[in-house]
Amino acid sequence: MVYEHQQVDPGAVEPSIATMKPIHLHVDWSKIGLTPTRLQFVGELVSEFIGIYLLILVGDSCSSMALLFSPSPYLTSYWGVCITWGLAVAFAIYGTGGVSGCHINPAVTVSFALFRGFPWWKVVPYIIAQWMGAFVGAFSVYNMYFPIFTAYLDSNNVTKQDSVTSSEAFFTSVNEHLTNYDGFIGQIYQTGILLYGIFAVTDPFNPNSFSHNGLKALLIGYVVAMVGGGFGFLEGFAINPARDFGPRVAAYALGWGKSAFPGFHNYWWGPICGPLIGGPLGAFIYEAFNRPFMPGVQVHGDTPLMKAWSRLILSLFPKMAISHSEENGEAAKSSIVIEDRFHQDMHVMMDVGPGGTTQQESGIEGLDRTL
């Protein structure tokens, strides 16, 4: 059209049109109270939600295939179940670890707060986001497998509330030969192994770790698969309170009733309490008995708990202390301090983030997200 190519004299245009500014697509989050730091924190919670949603979506789908199909595609290849859950963990870390650290597990969040300086005020919001993501993930699995669940229940002439096997597609149950106490103790052991492995893999001072590249996500997934392969038939290797509790609540809402709460053998509390004890215990074993002997680390104190542990070590082995002279007017006096090599050398030894200045702090991916 001709007039589209004609030049227009700005003076001939109405002032209201001539002074119009170009439209820029920009969202001012501060209008609703979201400052950059608050927006970052919201992003972390969303990432935790997405990360465990993906974990449950893939993991519970795998469990559904193993339990609901006849013959089961995993009938003679249980390792396939373990590796699928492990790869789901690795996949979630690759996707969301750069934002939130991808804890996707309350036991991990609490352990990083205790031993790696993760802010305590973030712990409860992280756990809530994790449980919500697991809850929604279970609904998505039911949505995909609804015809399979219906066919399974009809073919076995059983209701949801009386079907322990179909409920185990969502959450874990203790083996019929074990007591609730056995399952609880098993969760302590297994989650301890998991957190010990996570802390070892993400330790920048561990020369055998992969804290400097993306392989740590894959190795953490293999740790999950290893735990499943070694202990899975005991109580289903939940090793994650959110992974079990969120889908359990979803299953209860979807009609499984007593099969979900209180569950088989009244075991609903085991996958919650056991990991919250075992996870910090495994992390403590690594932090207290392995990390201090890594190259470049002497006595460290990243958190109040580890500072107390360091003081205990110094009281038992006073020669490990570092003496500093301080001038105090009248005379010099010596004081014992705890050397914190971790925080001093962290920015030198760690790969930094995209901006070139990001330090490792508290997540699996090692990004500093302190607000």
Protein backbone atom coordinates (compact mmCIF):
# COMPACT_ATOMS: atom_id res chain seq x y z
CA MET A 1 0.00 0.00 0.00
CA VAL A 2 1.35 3.41 -1.00
CA TYR A 3 0.79 5.34 2.20
CA GLU A 4 2.82 2.83 4.19
CA HIS A 5 5.97 4.03 2.45
CA GLN A 6 5.29 7.76 2.58
CA GLN A 7 7.41 9.86 4.91
CA VAL A 8 5.45 11.72 7.54
CA ASP A 9 6.46 15.13 8.80
CA PRO A 10 6.66 14.91 12.62
CA GLY A 11 5.45 18.50 12.85
CA ALA A 12 2.27 17.62 11.01
CA VAL A 13 1.39 14.90 13.49
CA GLU A 14 -0.73 15.60 16.53
CA PRO A 15 1.40 16.21 19.67
CA SER A 16 -0.19 13.31 21.53
CA ILE A 17 0.93 10.95 18.79
CA ALA A 18 4.30 12.54 18.10
CA THR A 19 5.40 12.27 21.74
CA MET A 20 4.28 8.65 22.13
CA LYS A 21 7.13 6.44 23.39
CA PRO A 22 7.84 2.97 22.00
CA ILE A 23 6.23 0.15 23.91
CA HIS A 24 8.68 -2.04 25.83
CA LEU A 25 7.65 -5.41 27.15
CA HIS A 26 8.65 -5.28 30.78
CA VAL A 27 7.13 -6.64 33.95
CA ASP A 28 7.61 -4.51 37.04
CA TRP A 29 7.37 -7.13 39.77
CA SER A 30 7.94 -4.52 42.45
CA LYS A 31 4.39 -3.27 41.84
CA ILE A 32 3.12 -6.34 43.67
CA GLY A 33 5.85 -6.37 46.30
CA LEU A 34 8.30 -8.71 44.54
CA THR A 35 11.72 -7.13 44.86
CA PRO A 36 14.60 -8.86 43.01
CA THR A 37 15.59 -10.81 46.13
CA ARG A 38 12.02 -11.87 46.82
CA LEU A 39 11.52 -12.78 43.18
CA GLN A 40 14.67 -14.91 43.34
CA PHE A 41 13.32 -16.71 46.39
CA VAL A 42 9.99 -17.33 44.64
CA GLY A 43 11.98 -18.77 41.74
CA GLU A 44 13.77 -21.12 44.14
CA LEU A 45 10.47 -22.40 45.55
CA VAL A 46 9.06 -22.88 42.05
CA SER A 47 12.19 -24.81 41.10
CA GLU A 48 11.82 -27.08 44.13
CA PHE A 49 8.19 -27.67 43.17
CA ILE A 50 9.11 -28.50 39.56
CA GLY A 51 12.08 -30.64 40.54
CA ILE A 52 10.16 -33.02 42.80
CA TYR A 53 7.16 -32.91 40.46
CA LEU A 54 9.39 -34.34 37.73
CA LEU A 55 10.82 -36.88 40.16
CA ILE A 56 7.37 -38.19 41.14
CA LEU A 57 6.05 -38.00 37.59
CA VAL A 58 8.80 -40.30 36.34
CA GLY A 59 9.36 -42.38 39.48
CA ASP A 60 5.74 -43.17 40.33
CA SER A 61 5.07 -43.90 36.66
CA CYS A 62 7.87 -46.44 36.82
CA SER A 63 6.36 -47.96 39.97
CA SER A 64 2.96 -48.10 38.27
CA MET A 65 4.44 -50.02 35.36
CA ALA A 66 6.13 -52.44 37.72
CA LEU A 67 3.04 -53.12 39.86
CA LEU A 68 -0.02 -52.76 37.64
CA PHE A 69 0.94 -54.53 34.44
CA SER A 70 0.83 -58.30 34.09
CA PRO A 71 3.36 -59.56 33.36
CA SER A 72 5.37 -56.72 34.84
CA PRO A 73 7.95 -55.23 32.46
CA TYR A 74 10.33 -55.21 35.43
CA LEU A 75 9.56 -58.77 36.52
CA THR A 76 13.15 -59.96 36.11
CA SER A 77 14.88 -56.59 35.93
CA TYR A 78 14.34 -54.78 39.21
CA TRP A 79 17.48 -52.76 38.55
CA GLY A 80 15.47 -50.94 35.89
CA VAL A 81 13.22 -49.52 38.61
CA CYS A 82 16.22 -48.35 40.62
CA ILE A 83 18.01 -46.73 37.69
CA THR A 84 14.83 -45.00 36.53
CA TRP A 85 14.35 -43.38 39.93
CA GLY A 86 18.03 -42.41 39.96
CA LEU A 87 17.90 -40.89 36.50
CA ALA A 88 14.76 -38.99 37.50
CA VAL A 89 16.75 -37.43 40.34
CA ALA A 90 19.61 -36.53 37.99
CA PHE A 91 17.16 -35.08 35.46
CA ALA A 92 15.55 -32.89 38.13
CA ILE A 93 18.97 -31.64 39.29
CA TYR A 94 20.02 -30.73 35.76
CA GLY A 95 16.78 -28.85 35.24
CA THR A 96 16.39 -26.92 38.50
CA GLY A 97 19.68 -27.16 40.39
CA GLY A 98 21.00 -23.88 39.03
CA VAL A 99 18.13 -21.99 40.66
CA SER A 100 17.38 -23.65 43.99
CA GLY A 101 20.13 -26.23 44.40
CA CYS A 102 17.48 -28.90 43.72
CA HIS A 103 17.18 -30.31 47.21
CA ILE A 104 13.79 -31.92 46.39
CA ASN A 105 14.06 -33.71 49.72
CA PRO A 106 13.43 -32.29 53.23
CA ALA A 107 16.26 -34.46 54.58
CA VAL A 108 18.64 -32.76 52.15
CA THR A 109 17.36 -29.29 53.02
CA VAL A 110 17.73 -29.84 56.77
CA SER A 111 21.19 -31.38 56.32
CA PHE A 112 22.45 -28.45 54.25
CA ALA A 113 21.09 -26.05 56.87
CA LEU A 114 22.88 -27.94 59.63
CA PHE A 115 26.24 -28.42 57.94
CA ARG A 116 26.60 -26.28 54.82
CA GLY A 117 25.16 -22.93 55.83
CA PHE A 118 21.82 -23.07 54.05
CA PRO A 119 19.62 -20.32 55.59
CA TRP A 120 17.27 -21.71 58.21
CA TRP A 121 14.50 -19.31 57.28
CA LYS A 122 14.28 -21.03 53.90
CA VAL A 123 13.91 -24.54 55.30
CA VAL A 124 10.15 -24.60 55.94
CA PRO A 125 9.19 -22.89 52.63
CA TYR A 126 11.44 -25.33 50.75
CA ILE A 127 9.81 -28.32 52.46
CA ILE A 128 6.31 -27.02 51.74
CA ALA A 129 7.20 -26.53 48.06
CA GLN A 130 8.63 -30.05 47.93
CA TRP A 131 5.52 -31.63 49.43
CA MET A 132 3.26 -29.67 47.10
CA GLY A 133 5.25 -30.70 44.05
CA ALA A 134 5.12 -34.37 45.07
CA PHE A 135 1.36 -34.08 45.69
CA VAL A 136 0.67 -32.64 42.24
CA GLY A 137 3.05 -35.12 40.61
CA ALA A 138 1.05 -38.04 42.02
CA PHE A 139 -2.15 -36.60 40.57
CA SER A 140 -0.49 -36.39 37.16
CA VAL A 141 0.55 -40.03 37.38
CA TYR A 142 -3.00 -41.04 38.25
CA ASN A 143 -4.28 -38.98 35.33
CA MET A 144 -2.04 -40.86 32.90
CA TYR A 145 -2.56 -44.31 34.39
CA PHE A 146 -6.24 -44.01 35.26
CA PRO A 147 -7.36 -46.74 32.76
CA ILE A 148 -4.60 -49.03 34.03
CA PHE A 149 -5.59 -48.54 37.66
CA THR A 150 -9.23 -49.24 36.78
CA ALA A 151 -8.35 -52.38 34.84
CA TYR A 152 -6.11 -53.64 37.65
CA LEU A 153 -8.75 -53.17 40.34
CA ASP A 154 -11.48 -54.74 38.20
CA SER A 155 -9.39 -57.74 37.20
CA ASN A 156 -8.44 -58.42 40.81
CA ASN A 157 -11.97 -57.69 42.10
CA VAL A 158 -10.65 -55.36 44.79
CA THR A 159 -11.39 -51.79 45.87
CA LYS A 160 -8.83 -49.05 46.21
CA GLN A 161 -8.99 -49.09 50.00
CA ASP A 162 -8.25 -52.82 50.09
CA SER A 163 -5.52 -52.79 47.45
CA VAL A 164 -2.09 -52.37 48.99
CA THR A 165 -0.32 -53.21 45.74
CA SER A 166 -1.96 -50.46 43.68
CA SER A 167 -1.38 -47.93 46.47
CA GLU A 168 2.34 -48.71 46.40
CA ALA A 169 2.46 -47.14 42.96
CA PHE A 170 2.33 -43.81 44.83
CA PHE A 171 4.18 -44.37 48.10
CA THR A 172 6.18 -46.97 50.00
CA SER A 173 5.23 -49.74 52.41
CA VAL A 174 7.21 -51.90 54.76
CA ASN A 175 7.82 -55.53 53.82
CA GLU A 176 5.33 -57.95 55.38
CA HIS A 177 8.16 -59.71 57.25
CA LEU A 178 9.37 -56.47 58.86
CA THR A 179 7.96 -54.46 61.72
CA ASN A 180 7.41 -50.71 61.58
CA TYR A 181 10.49 -50.32 63.76
CA ASP A 182 12.53 -52.28 61.20
CA GLY A 183 11.32 -50.02 58.42
CA PHE A 184 12.05 -46.92 60.45
CA ILE A 185 15.61 -48.07 61.19
CA GLY A 186 16.07 -49.00 57.53
CA GLN A 187 15.14 -45.48 56.48
CA ILE A 188 17.73 -44.06 58.84
CA TYR A 189 20.44 -46.23 57.30
CA GLN A 190 19.41 -45.61 53.72
CA THR A 191 18.97 -41.85 53.95
CA GLY A 192 22.24 -41.64 55.83
CA ILE A 193 23.96 -43.33 52.89
CA LEU A 194 22.23 -40.95 50.49
CA LEU A 195 23.33 -37.78 52.31
CA TYR A 196 26.82 -39.11 52.88
CA GLY A 197 27.08 -39.59 49.13
CA ILE A 198 25.61 -36.18 48.31
CA PHE A 199 28.00 -34.40 50.68
CA ALA A 200 30.97 -36.31 49.26
CA VAL A 201 30.06 -35.63 45.65
CA THR A 202 29.47 -31.90 46.23
CA ASP A 203 32.49 -31.24 48.46
CA PRO A 204 34.91 -28.93 46.60
CA PHE A 205 37.78 -30.12 48.79
CA ASN A 206 37.24 -33.77 47.91
CA PRO A 207 39.71 -34.53 45.09
CA ASN A 208 37.52 -37.42 43.93
CA SER A 209 34.32 -35.38 43.79
CA PHE A 210 32.71 -33.89 40.72
CA SER A 211 31.81 -30.58 42.35
CA HIS A 212 33.29 -28.65 39.44
CA ASN A 213 31.06 -29.97 36.67
CA GLY A 214 27.65 -31.41 35.89
CA LEU A 215 28.61 -35.01 36.52
CA LYS A 216 27.68 -34.66 40.18
CA ALA A 217 23.99 -34.72 39.24
CA LEU A 218 24.43 -38.05 37.49
CA LEU A 219 26.45 -39.47 40.39
CA ILE A 220 23.79 -38.43 42.91
CA GLY A 221 21.27 -40.25 40.73
CA TYR A 222 23.46 -43.34 40.87
CA VAL A 223 23.61 -43.09 44.66
CA VAL A 224 19.79 -43.18 44.70
CA ALA A 225 19.82 -46.18 42.35
CA MET A 226 22.45 -47.90 44.52
CA VAL A 227 20.30 -47.48 47.62
CA GLY A 228 17.32 -48.88 45.75
CA GLY A 229 19.30 -51.82 44.47
CA GLY A 230 20.66 -52.62 47.90
CA PHE A 231 17.61 -52.07 50.11
CA GLY A 232 14.53 -51.50 47.96
CA PHE A 233 12.65 -54.68 48.85
CA LEU A 234 12.72 -53.85 52.56
CA GLU A 235 10.53 -50.75 52.58
CA GLY A 236 10.70 -49.28 49.10
CA PHE A 237 13.69 -46.92 49.62
CA ALA A 238 11.63 -43.78 50.16
CA ILE A 239 14.68 -41.88 51.60
CA ASN A 240 12.65 -38.70 51.16
CA PRO A 241 9.76 -37.54 53.38
CA ALA A 242 8.24 -35.39 50.62
CA ARG A 243 8.49 -38.20 48.04
CA ASP A 244 6.37 -40.44 50.28
CA PHE A 245 4.06 -38.04 52.13
CA GLY A 246 2.94 -35.92 49.15
CA PRO A 247 1.81 -38.87 46.99
CA ARG A 248 0.34 -40.58 50.06
CA VAL A 249 -1.95 -37.59 50.68
CA ALA A 250 -2.83 -37.54 46.97
CA ALA A 251 -3.68 -41.24 47.05
CA TYR A 252 -5.89 -40.71 50.09
CA ALA A 253 -7.72 -37.94 48.25
CA LEU A 254 -8.10 -40.16 45.18
CA GLY A 255 -9.92 -42.86 47.14
CA TRP A 256 -7.28 -45.18 48.57
CA GLY A 257 -8.35 -44.21 52.08
CA LYS A 258 -7.01 -46.55 54.72
CA SER A 259 -4.45 -47.98 52.29
CA ALA A 260 -2.78 -44.55 52.42
CA PHE A 261 -3.51 -43.53 56.02
CA PRO A 262 -2.59 -45.22 58.23
CA GLY A 263 -1.34 -47.52 55.48
CA PHE A 264 -0.07 -51.08 55.54
CA HIS A 265 1.11 -51.95 59.09
CA ASN A 266 0.29 -48.33 60.07
CA TYR A 267 3.65 -47.42 58.58
CA TRP A 268 2.86 -43.92 57.24
CA TRP A 269 5.21 -42.22 59.74
CA GLY A 270 8.30 -44.31 58.96
CA PRO A 271 9.28 -42.65 55.65
CA ILE A 272 8.91 -39.24 57.29
CA CYS A 273 10.75 -39.66 60.58
CA GLY A 274 13.47 -42.06 59.43
CA PRO A 275 14.94 -39.85 56.66
CA LEU A 276 14.84 -36.73 58.82
CA ILE A 277 17.08 -38.54 61.31
CA GLY A 278 19.23 -40.57 58.95
CA GLY A 279 19.94 -37.75 56.49
CA PRO A 280 21.57 -35.36 58.98
CA LEU A 281 23.35 -38.31 60.58
CA GLY A 282 24.96 -39.35 57.30
CA ALA A 283 25.87 -35.75 56.54
CA PHE A 284 27.43 -35.36 59.98
CA ILE A 285 29.56 -38.47 59.53
CA TYR A 286 31.02 -37.03 56.33
CA GLU A 287 31.46 -33.50 57.69
CA ALA A 288 32.96 -34.60 61.00
CA PHE A 289 35.14 -37.55 60.03
CA ASN A 290 36.00 -37.17 56.34
CA ARG A 291 35.95 -33.55 55.30
CA PRO A 292 38.41 -32.24 57.92
CA PHE A 293 41.09 -34.52 56.46
CA MET A 294 40.61 -33.47 52.83
CA PRO A 295 43.47 -31.53 51.19
CA GLY A 296 43.26 -27.84 52.06
CA VAL A 297 40.92 -28.29 55.02
CA GLN A 298 41.99 -28.30 58.64
CA VAL A 299 39.47 -27.54 61.37
CA HIS A 300 36.39 -25.96 59.86
CA GLY A 301 33.20 -24.47 61.22
CA ASP A 302 30.69 -23.60 58.53
CA THR A 303 27.68 -23.68 60.87
CA PRO A 304 27.19 -23.36 64.66
CA LEU A 305 26.92 -27.13 64.93
CA MET A 306 30.20 -27.73 63.15
CA LYS A 307 31.88 -24.93 65.08
CA ALA A 308 30.88 -26.71 68.29
CA TRP A 309 32.28 -29.95 66.86
CA SER A 310 35.53 -28.17 65.96
CA ARG A 311 35.85 -26.80 69.47
CA LEU A 312 35.37 -30.30 70.84
CA ILE A 313 38.16 -31.59 68.58
CA LEU A 314 40.43 -28.75 69.65
CA SER A 315 39.77 -29.52 73.31
CA LEU A 316 40.72 -33.14 72.73
CA PHE A 317 43.67 -32.36 70.46
CA PRO A 318 44.90 -28.87 71.43
CA LYS A 319 47.93 -29.07 69.14
CA MET A 320 45.58 -28.77 66.18
CA ALA A 321 44.74 -25.20 67.22
CA ILE A 322 46.19 -22.22 65.43
CA SER A 323 47.71 -19.63 67.76
CA HIS A 324 47.48 -15.93 66.98
CA SER A 325 49.04 -13.10 68.95
CA GLU A 326 46.87 -10.11 69.71
CA GLU A 327 48.11 -6.82 71.02
CA ASN A 328 45.87 -5.62 73.83
CA GLY A 329 47.60 -2.51 75.13
CA GLU A 330 49.63 -3.84 78.03
CA ALA A 331 50.81 -7.21 76.71
CA ALA A 332 50.35 -9.64 73.92
CA LYS A 333 48.22 -12.63 74.56
CA SER A 334 47.55 -15.79 72.60
CA SER A 335 44.10 -16.93 71.55
CA ILE A 336 42.92 -20.13 69.94
CA VAL A 337 40.80 -19.74 66.84
CA ILE A 338 39.20 -22.21 64.51
CA GLU A 339 40.55 -22.01 61.01
CA ASP A 340 37.73 -21.75 58.50
CA ARG A 341 39.51 -22.70 55.32
CA PHE A 342 36.29 -23.61 53.57
CA HIS A 343 34.88 -20.10 53.44
CA GLN A 344 38.26 -18.53 52.76
CA ASP A 345 39.20 -20.69 49.80
CA MET A 346 35.75 -21.41 48.42
CA HIS A 347 35.78 -18.68 45.78
CA VAL A 348 39.19 -19.84 44.55
CA MET A 349 38.53 -23.56 44.30
CA MET A 350 34.97 -23.57 43.01
CA ASP A 351 33.69 -23.04 39.50
CA VAL A 352 31.76 -19.79 39.56
CA GLY A 353 28.38 -19.14 38.04
CA PRO A 354 27.51 -17.52 34.72
CA GLY A 355 28.34 -14.05 36.03
CA GLY A 356 31.80 -15.13 37.14
CA THR A 357 31.39 -14.24 40.81
CA THR A 358 28.95 -16.80 42.20
CA GLN A 359 30.25 -18.70 45.21
CA GLN A 360 29.23 -22.12 46.34
CA GLU A 361 26.88 -22.11 49.27
CA SER A 362 24.29 -24.68 50.06
CA GLY A 363 22.59 -26.45 47.20
CA ILE A 364 23.42 -29.64 45.34
CA GLU A 365 24.42 -27.52 42.36
CA GLY A 366 26.51 -25.31 44.62
CA LEU A 367 25.10 -21.89 43.79
CA ASP A 368 25.05 -19.09 46.36
CA ARG A 369 21.42 -18.14 46.73
CA THR A 370 21.52 -16.33 50.07
CA LEU A 371 19.15 -13.35 50.08
